[in-house]
Amino acid sequence: ALSSQHKILKNQHEDVKKQLLDLQLQHNS
């Protein structure tokens, strides 16, 4: 789901970058 969301939000670069970082932290956790 996160990967799909990343592809959908690819055009919104700044928001995706922040969200990706949060999701990576959550994933690592």
Full PDB file with SEQRES, HELIX, SHEET, SSBOND, CRYST1, ORIGX, SCALE, CONECT and MASTER records, all heavy atoms in Angstrom:
SEQRES   1 A   29  ALA LEU SER SER GLN HIS LYS ILE LEU LYS ASN GLN HIS          
SEQRES   2 A   29  GLU ASP VAL LYS LYS GLN LEU LEU ASP LEU GLN LEU GLN          
SEQRES   3 A   29  HIS ASN SER                                                  
HELIX    1 AA1 LEU A    2  ILE A    8  1                                   7    
HELIX    2 AA2 HIS A   13  ASN A   28  1                                  16    
CRYST1    1.000    1.000    1.000  90.00  90.00  90.00 P 1           1          
ORIGX1      1.000000  0.000000  0.000000        0.00000                         
ORIGX2      0.000000  1.000000  0.000000        0.00000                         
ORIGX3      0.000000  0.000000  1.000000        0.00000                         
SCALE1      1.000000  0.000000  0.000000        0.00000                         
SCALE2      0.000000  1.000000  0.000000        0.00000                         
SCALE3      0.000000  0.000000  1.000000        0.00000                         
ATOM      1  N   ALA A   1       0.828  -1.207   0.000  1.00  0.00           N  
ATOM      2  CA  ALA A   1       0.000   0.000   0.000  1.00  0.00           C  
ATOM      3  C   ALA A   1       0.859   1.253   0.000  1.00  0.00           C  
ATOM      4  O   ALA A   1       0.570   2.234  -0.708  1.00  0.00           O  
ATOM      5  CB  ALA A   1      -0.928  -0.008   1.213  1.00  0.00           C  
ATOM      6  N   LEU A   2       1.940   1.219   0.755  1.00  0.00           N  
ATOM      7  CA  LEU A   2       2.836   2.372   0.815  1.00  0.00           C  
ATOM      8  C   LEU A   2       3.525   2.600  -0.538  1.00  0.00           C  
ATOM      9  O   LEU A   2       3.718   3.747  -0.964  1.00  0.00           O  
ATOM     10  CB  LEU A   2       3.874   2.188   1.924  1.00  0.00           C  
ATOM     11  CG  LEU A   2       3.328   2.218   3.354  1.00  0.00           C  
ATOM     12  CD1 LEU A   2       4.459   1.917   4.342  1.00  0.00           C  
ATOM     13  CD2 LEU A   2       2.688   3.550   3.665  1.00  0.00           C  
ATOM     14  N   SER A   3       3.899   1.520  -1.185  1.00  0.00           N  
ATOM     15  CA  SER A   3       4.532   1.650  -2.500  1.00  0.00           C  
ATOM     16  C   SER A   3       3.558   2.257  -3.516  1.00  0.00           C  
ATOM     17  O   SER A   3       3.932   3.137  -4.317  1.00  0.00           O  
ATOM     18  CB  SER A   3       5.014   0.285  -2.998  1.00  0.00           C  
ATOM     19  OG  SER A   3       6.037  -0.194  -2.187  1.00  0.00           O  
ATOM     20  N   SER A   4       2.302   1.774  -3.485  1.00  0.00           N  
ATOM     21  CA  SER A   4       1.280   2.339  -4.385  1.00  0.00           C  
ATOM     22  C   SER A   4       1.071   3.818  -4.094  1.00  0.00           C  
ATOM     23  O   SER A   4       0.978   4.644  -5.023  1.00  0.00           O  
ATOM     24  CB  SER A   4      -0.045   1.592  -4.216  1.00  0.00           C  
ATOM     25  OG  SER A   4       0.106   0.252  -4.583  1.00  0.00           O  
ATOM     26  N   GLN A   5       0.989   4.125  -2.832  1.00  0.00           N  
ATOM     27  CA  GLN A   5       0.788   5.527  -2.448  1.00  0.00           C  
ATOM     28  C   GLN A   5       1.976   6.377  -2.907  1.00  0.00           C  
ATOM     29  O   GLN A   5       1.798   7.518  -3.357  1.00  0.00           O  
ATOM     30  CB  GLN A   5       0.606   5.610  -0.925  1.00  0.00           C  
ATOM     31  CG  GLN A   5       0.194   6.970  -0.426  1.00  0.00           C  
ATOM     32  CD  GLN A   5      -0.030   6.963   1.082  1.00  0.00           C  
ATOM     33  OE1 GLN A   5       0.295   5.998   1.763  1.00  0.00           O  
ATOM     34  NE2 GLN A   5      -0.580   8.048   1.580  1.00  0.00           N  
ATOM     35  N   HIS A   6       3.165   5.830  -2.838  1.00  0.00           N  
ATOM     36  CA  HIS A   6       4.367   6.561  -3.273  1.00  0.00           C  
ATOM     37  C   HIS A   6       4.288   6.873  -4.766  1.00  0.00           C  
ATOM     38  O   HIS A   6       4.615   8.004  -5.195  1.00  0.00           O  
ATOM     39  CB  HIS A   6       5.620   5.748  -2.949  1.00  0.00           C  
ATOM     40  CG  HIS A   6       6.878   6.337  -3.488  1.00  0.00           C  
ATOM     41  ND1 HIS A   6       7.430   7.501  -3.004  1.00  0.00           N  
ATOM     42  CD2 HIS A   6       7.689   5.938  -4.498  1.00  0.00           C  
ATOM     43  CE1 HIS A   6       8.524   7.790  -3.672  1.00  0.00           C  
ATOM     44  NE2 HIS A   6       8.704   6.847  -4.594  1.00  0.00           N  
ATOM     45  N   LYS A   7       3.832   5.900  -5.568  1.00  0.00           N  
ATOM     46  CA  LYS A   7       3.718   6.116  -7.013  1.00  0.00           C  
ATOM     47  C   LYS A   7       2.641   7.162  -7.327  1.00  0.00           C  
ATOM     48  O   LYS A   7       2.825   8.005  -8.223  1.00  0.00           O  
ATOM     49  CB  LYS A   7       3.405   4.800  -7.714  1.00  0.00           C  
ATOM     50  CG  LYS A   7       4.587   3.857  -7.746  1.00  0.00           C  
ATOM     51  CD  LYS A   7       4.233   2.523  -8.362  1.00  0.00           C  
ATOM     52  CE  LYS A   7       5.409   1.577  -8.256  1.00  0.00           C  
ATOM     53  NZ  LYS A   7       5.085   0.247  -8.760  1.00  0.00           N  
ATOM     54  N   ILE A   8       1.526   7.092  -6.603  1.00  0.00           N  
ATOM     55  CA  ILE A   8       0.428   8.035  -6.824  1.00  0.00           C  
ATOM     56  C   ILE A   8       0.856   9.451  -6.458  1.00  0.00           C  
ATOM     57  O   ILE A   8       0.551  10.427  -7.162  1.00  0.00           O  
ATOM     58  CB  ILE A   8      -0.813   7.600  -6.021  1.00  0.00           C  
ATOM     59  CG1 ILE A   8      -1.381   6.306  -6.598  1.00  0.00           C  
ATOM     60  CG2 ILE A   8      -1.887   8.692  -6.028  1.00  0.00           C  
ATOM     61  CD1 ILE A   8      -2.451   5.675  -5.733  1.00  0.00           C  
ATOM     62  N   LEU A   9       1.593   9.604  -5.402  1.00  0.00           N  
ATOM     63  CA  LEU A   9       1.971  10.931  -4.888  1.00  0.00           C  
ATOM     64  C   LEU A   9       3.344  11.392  -5.406  1.00  0.00           C  
ATOM     65  O   LEU A   9       3.940  12.313  -4.832  1.00  0.00           O  
ATOM     66  CB  LEU A   9       1.977  10.893  -3.359  1.00  0.00           C  
ATOM     67  CG  LEU A   9       0.639  10.579  -2.677  1.00  0.00           C  
ATOM     68  CD1 LEU A   9       0.822  10.477  -1.173  1.00  0.00           C  
ATOM     69  CD2 LEU A   9      -0.408  11.627  -3.028  1.00  0.00           C  
ATOM     70  N   LYS A  10       3.843  10.714  -6.428  1.00  0.00           N  
ATOM     71  CA  LYS A  10       5.176  11.024  -6.933  1.00  0.00           C  
ATOM     72  C   LYS A  10       5.281  12.483  -7.394  1.00  0.00           C  
ATOM     73  O   LYS A  10       6.357  13.092  -7.250  1.00  0.00           O  
ATOM     74  CB  LYS A  10       5.518  10.062  -8.077  1.00  0.00           C  
ATOM     75  CG  LYS A  10       6.961  10.094  -8.516  1.00  0.00           C  
ATOM     76  CD  LYS A  10       7.225   8.969  -9.484  1.00  0.00           C  
ATOM     77  CE  LYS A  10       8.708   8.930  -9.813  1.00  0.00           C  
ATOM     78  NZ  LYS A  10       9.017   7.836 -10.725  1.00  0.00           N  
ATOM     79  N   ASN A  11       4.193  13.035  -7.974  1.00  0.00           N  
ATOM     80  CA  ASN A  11       4.215  14.405  -8.477  1.00  0.00           C  
ATOM     81  C   ASN A  11       4.297  15.428  -7.346  1.00  0.00           C  
ATOM     82  O   ASN A  11       4.772  16.540  -7.548  1.00  0.00           O  
ATOM     83  CB  ASN A  11       2.995  14.680  -9.359  1.00  0.00           C  
ATOM     84  CG  ASN A  11       3.037  13.843 -10.625  1.00  0.00           C  
ATOM     85  OD1 ASN A  11       4.117  13.485 -11.094  1.00  0.00           O  
ATOM     86  ND2 ASN A  11       1.868  13.538 -11.177  1.00  0.00           N  
ATOM     87  N   GLN A  12       3.838  15.062  -6.197  1.00  0.00           N  
ATOM     88  CA  GLN A  12       3.892  15.996  -5.048  1.00  0.00           C  
ATOM     89  C   GLN A  12       5.176  15.682  -4.286  1.00  0.00           C  
ATOM     90  O   GLN A  12       5.161  15.070  -3.224  1.00  0.00           O  
ATOM     91  CB  GLN A  12       2.652  15.831  -4.178  1.00  0.00           C  
ATOM     92  CG  GLN A  12       1.362  16.090  -4.930  1.00  0.00           C  
ATOM     93  CD  GLN A  12       0.147  15.705  -4.097  1.00  0.00           C  
ATOM     94  OE1 GLN A  12       0.268  15.159  -3.019  1.00  0.00           O  
ATOM     95  NE2 GLN A  12      -1.025  16.029  -4.628  1.00  0.00           N  
ATOM     96  N   HIS A  13       6.304  16.121  -4.827  1.00  0.00           N  
ATOM     97  CA  HIS A  13       7.619  15.700  -4.379  1.00  0.00           C  
ATOM     98  C   HIS A  13       7.909  16.008  -2.907  1.00  0.00           C  
ATOM     99  O   HIS A  13       8.394  15.148  -2.169  1.00  0.00           O  
ATOM    100  CB  HIS A  13       8.686  16.342  -5.279  1.00  0.00           C  
ATOM    101  CG  HIS A  13      10.063  15.931  -4.935  1.00  0.00           C  
ATOM    102  ND1 HIS A  13      10.526  14.651  -5.111  1.00  0.00           N  
ATOM    103  CD2 HIS A  13      11.107  16.634  -4.407  1.00  0.00           C  
ATOM    104  CE1 HIS A  13      11.767  14.566  -4.719  1.00  0.00           C  
ATOM    105  NE2 HIS A  13      12.158  15.767  -4.287  1.00  0.00           N  
ATOM    106  N   GLU A  14       7.646  17.238  -2.472  1.00  0.00           N  
ATOM    107  CA  GLU A  14       7.999  17.611  -1.110  1.00  0.00           C  
ATOM    108  C   GLU A  14       7.181  16.839  -0.067  1.00  0.00           C  
ATOM    109  O   GLU A  14       7.738  16.368   0.929  1.00  0.00           O  
ATOM    110  CB  GLU A  14       7.812  19.125  -0.919  1.00  0.00           C  
ATOM    111  CG  GLU A  14       8.789  19.978  -1.695  1.00  0.00           C  
ATOM    112  CD  GLU A  14      10.235  19.666  -1.338  1.00  0.00           C  
ATOM    113  OE1 GLU A  14      10.541  19.491  -0.131  1.00  0.00           O  
ATOM    114  OE2 GLU A  14      11.057  19.579  -2.254  1.00  0.00           O  
ATOM    115  N   ASP A  15       5.879  16.691  -0.329  1.00  0.00           N  
ATOM    116  CA  ASP A  15       5.028  15.939   0.606  1.00  0.00           C  
ATOM    117  C   ASP A  15       5.416  14.460   0.627  1.00  0.00           C  
ATOM    118  O   ASP A  15       5.452  13.826   1.679  1.00  0.00           O  
ATOM    119  CB  ASP A  15       3.559  16.081   0.226  1.00  0.00           C  
ATOM    120  CG  ASP A  15       3.036  17.497   0.421  1.00  0.00           C  
ATOM    121  OD1 ASP A  15       3.635  18.236   1.235  1.00  0.00           O  
ATOM    122  OD2 ASP A  15       2.023  17.835  -0.215  1.00  0.00           O  
ATOM    123  N   VAL A  16       5.709  13.955  -0.569  1.00  0.00           N  
ATOM    124  CA  VAL A  16       6.075  12.528  -0.659  1.00  0.00           C  
ATOM    125  C   VAL A  16       7.386  12.266   0.063  1.00  0.00           C  
ATOM    126  O   VAL A  16       7.548  11.238   0.745  1.00  0.00           O  
ATOM    127  CB  VAL A  16       6.166  12.091  -2.141  1.00  0.00           C  
ATOM    128  CG1 VAL A  16       6.796  10.718  -2.250  1.00  0.00           C  
ATOM    129  CG2 VAL A  16       4.788  12.065  -2.757  1.00  0.00           C  
ATOM    130  N   LYS A  17       8.328  13.202  -0.070  1.00  0.00           N  
ATOM    131  CA  LYS A  17       9.632  13.026   0.564  1.00  0.00           C  
ATOM    132  C   LYS A  17       9.481  12.907   2.086  1.00  0.00           C  
ATOM    133  O   LYS A  17      10.044  12.000   2.708  1.00  0.00           O  
ATOM    134  CB  LYS A  17      10.517  14.217   0.202  1.00  0.00           C  
ATOM    135  CG  LYS A  17      11.984  13.971   0.320  1.00  0.00           C  
ATOM    136  CD  LYS A  17      12.730  15.173  -0.241  1.00  0.00           C  
ATOM    137  CE  LYS A  17      14.200  14.917  -0.271  1.00  0.00           C  
ATOM    138  NZ  LYS A  17      14.950  16.066  -0.776  1.00  0.00           N  
ATOM    139  N   LYS A  18       8.669  13.810   2.664  1.00  0.00           N  
ATOM    140  CA  LYS A  18       8.431  13.772   4.126  1.00  0.00           C  
ATOM    141  C   LYS A  18       7.680  12.495   4.522  1.00  0.00           C  
ATOM    142  O   LYS A  18       8.022  11.833   5.504  1.00  0.00           O  
ATOM    143  CB  LYS A  18       7.638  15.015   4.534  1.00  0.00           C  
ATOM    144  CG  LYS A  18       7.425  15.145   6.031  1.00  0.00           C  
ATOM    145  CD  LYS A  18       6.669  16.419   6.342  1.00  0.00           C  
ATOM    146  CE  LYS A  18       6.464  16.581   7.819  1.00  0.00           C  
ATOM    147  NZ  LYS A  18       5.432  15.725   8.347  1.00  0.00           N  
ATOM    148  N   GLN A  19       6.648  12.208   3.744  1.00  0.00           N  
ATOM    149  CA  GLN A  19       5.851  10.998   4.049  1.00  0.00           C  
ATOM    150  C   GLN A  19       6.694   9.730   3.907  1.00  0.00           C  
ATOM    151  O   GLN A  19       6.578   8.810   4.707  1.00  0.00           O  
ATOM    152  CB  GLN A  19       4.644  10.937   3.105  1.00  0.00           C  
ATOM    153  CG  GLN A  19       3.626   9.888   3.489  1.00  0.00           C  
ATOM    154  CD  GLN A  19       2.417   9.931   2.564  1.00  0.00           C  
ATOM    155  OE1 GLN A  19       2.435  10.545   1.519  1.00  0.00           O  
ATOM    156  NE2 GLN A  19       1.362   9.271   2.997  1.00  0.00           N  
ATOM    157  N   LEU A  20       7.556   9.708   2.893  1.00  0.00           N  
ATOM    158  CA  LEU A  20       8.425   8.537   2.698  1.00  0.00           C  
ATOM    159  C   LEU A  20       9.340   8.326   3.892  1.00  0.00           C  
ATOM    160  O   LEU A  20       9.540   7.198   4.365  1.00  0.00           O  
ATOM    161  CB  LEU A  20       9.244   8.697   1.412  1.00  0.00           C  
ATOM    162  CG  LEU A  20      10.220   7.562   1.116  1.00  0.00           C  
ATOM    163  CD1 LEU A  20       9.461   6.249   0.941  1.00  0.00           C  
ATOM    164  CD2 LEU A  20      11.042   7.894  -0.119  1.00  0.00           C  
ATOM    165  N   LEU A  21       9.899   9.429   4.386  1.00  0.00           N  
ATOM    166  CA  LEU A  21      10.773   9.334   5.555  1.00  0.00           C  
ATOM    167  C   LEU A  21      10.006   8.764   6.754  1.00  0.00           C  
ATOM    168  O   LEU A  21      10.495   7.854   7.446  1.00  0.00           O  
ATOM    169  CB  LEU A  21      11.357  10.708   5.886  1.00  0.00           C  
ATOM    170  CG  LEU A  21      12.346  10.760   7.062  1.00  0.00           C  
ATOM    171  CD1 LEU A  21      13.548   9.882   6.774  1.00  0.00           C  
ATOM    172  CD2 LEU A  21      12.778  12.201   7.316  1.00  0.00           C  
ATOM    173  N   ASP A  22       8.793   9.289   6.982  1.00  0.00           N  
ATOM    174  CA  ASP A  22       7.959   8.779   8.086  1.00  0.00           C  
ATOM    175  C   ASP A  22       7.654   7.285   7.900  1.00  0.00           C  
ATOM    176  O   ASP A  22       7.698   6.496   8.860  1.00  0.00           O  
ATOM    177  CB  ASP A  22       6.659   9.567   8.189  1.00  0.00           C  
ATOM    178  CG  ASP A  22       6.876  10.999   8.658  1.00  0.00           C  
ATOM    179  OD1 ASP A  22       7.943  11.275   9.255  1.00  0.00           O  
ATOM    180  OD2 ASP A  22       5.974  11.830   8.440  1.00  0.00           O  
ATOM    181  N   LEU A  23       7.316   6.939   6.664  1.00  0.00           N  
ATOM    182  CA  LEU A  23       6.983   5.531   6.410  1.00  0.00           C  
ATOM    183  C   LEU A  23       8.190   4.617   6.561  1.00  0.00           C  
ATOM    184  O   LEU A  23       8.068   3.483   7.035  1.00  0.00           O  
ATOM    185  CB  LEU A  23       6.384   5.383   5.002  1.00  0.00           C  
ATOM    186  CG  LEU A  23       4.991   5.989   4.820  1.00  0.00           C  
ATOM    187  CD1 LEU A  23       4.561   5.900   3.364  1.00  0.00           C  
ATOM    188  CD2 LEU A  23       3.980   5.288   5.724  1.00  0.00           C  
ATOM    189  N   GLN A  24       9.360   5.119   6.190  1.00  0.00           N  
ATOM    190  CA  GLN A  24      10.564   4.310   6.381  1.00  0.00           C  
ATOM    191  C   GLN A  24      10.846   4.091   7.868  1.00  0.00           C  
ATOM    192  O   GLN A  24      11.214   2.996   8.285  1.00  0.00           O  
ATOM    193  CB  GLN A  24      11.765   4.978   5.710  1.00  0.00           C  
ATOM    194  CG  GLN A  24      11.770   4.832   4.205  1.00  0.00           C  
ATOM    195  CD  GLN A  24      12.912   5.596   3.552  1.00  0.00           C  
ATOM    196  OE1 GLN A  24      13.468   6.533   4.143  1.00  0.00           O  
ATOM    197  NE2 GLN A  24      13.233   5.219   2.323  1.00  0.00           N  
ATOM    198  N   LEU A  25      10.653   5.135   8.641  1.00  0.00           N  
ATOM    199  CA  LEU A  25      10.834   4.988  10.096  1.00  0.00           C  
ATOM    200  C   LEU A  25       9.826   3.979  10.664  1.00  0.00           C  
ATOM    201  O   LEU A  25      10.166   3.121  11.486  1.00  0.00           O  
ATOM    202  CB  LEU A  25      10.685   6.337  10.791  1.00  0.00           C  
ATOM    203  CG  LEU A  25      11.816   7.347  10.559  1.00  0.00           C  
ATOM    204  CD1 LEU A  25      11.462   8.706  11.181  1.00  0.00           C  
ATOM    205  CD2 LEU A  25      13.125   6.812  11.121  1.00  0.00           C  
ATOM    206  N   GLN A  26       8.581   4.107  10.207  1.00  0.00           N  
ATOM    207  CA  GLN A  26       7.545   3.164  10.676  1.00  0.00           C  
ATOM    208  C   GLN A  26       7.888   1.738  10.247  1.00  0.00           C  
ATOM    209  O   GLN A  26       7.743   0.790  11.019  1.00  0.00           O  
ATOM    210  CB  GLN A  26       6.184   3.574  10.115  1.00  0.00           C  
ATOM    211  CG  GLN A  26       5.050   2.688  10.598  1.00  0.00           C  
ATOM    212  CD  GLN A  26       3.706   3.050   9.962  1.00  0.00           C  
ATOM    213  OE1 GLN A  26       3.649   3.923   9.113  1.00  0.00           O  
ATOM    214  NE2 GLN A  26       2.661   2.373  10.379  1.00  0.00           N  
ATOM    215  N   HIS A  27       8.340   1.620   8.996  1.00  0.00           N  
ATOM    216  CA  HIS A  27       8.697   0.292   8.486  1.00  0.00           C  
ATOM    217  C   HIS A  27       9.837  -0.313   9.304  1.00  0.00           C  
ATOM    218  O   HIS A  27       9.800  -1.497   9.668  1.00  0.00           O  
ATOM    219  CB  HIS A  27       9.090   0.387   7.010  1.00  0.00           C  
ATOM    220  CG  HIS A  27       9.503  -0.923   6.435  1.00  0.00           C  
ATOM    221  ND1 HIS A  27       8.625  -1.957   6.227  1.00  0.00           N  
ATOM    222  CD2 HIS A  27      10.717  -1.377   6.034  1.00  0.00           C  
ATOM    223  CE1 HIS A  27       9.267  -2.989   5.724  1.00  0.00           C  
ATOM    224  NE2 HIS A  27      10.532  -2.667   5.593  1.00  0.00           N  
ATOM    225  N   ASN A  28      10.856   0.496   9.593  1.00  0.00           N  
ATOM    226  CA  ASN A  28      11.984   0.004  10.397  1.00  0.00           C  
ATOM    227  C   ASN A  28      11.534  -0.373  11.799  1.00  0.00           C  
ATOM    228  O   ASN A  28      11.993  -1.366  12.372  1.00  0.00           O  
ATOM    229  CB  ASN A  28      13.101   1.047  10.454  1.00  0.00           C  
ATOM    230  CG  ASN A  28      13.811   1.191   9.125  1.00  0.00           C  
ATOM    231  OD1 ASN A  28      13.786   0.270   8.309  1.00  0.00           O  
ATOM    232  ND2 ASN A  28      14.432   2.331   8.894  1.00  0.00           N  
ATOM    233  N   SER A  29      10.635   0.437  12.344  1.00  0.00           N  
ATOM    234  CA  SER A  29      10.106   0.140  13.670  1.00  0.00           C  
ATOM    235  C   SER A  29       9.345  -1.191  13.664  1.00  0.00           C  
ATOM    236  O   SER A  29       9.509  -2.030  14.560  1.00  0.00           O  
ATOM    237  CB  SER A  29       9.184   1.269  14.128  1.00  0.00           C  
ATOM    238  OG  SER A  29       8.556   0.933  15.336  1.00  0.00           O  
TER     239      SER A  29                                                      
MASTER        0    0    0    2    0    0    0    6  238    1    0    3          
END                                                                             
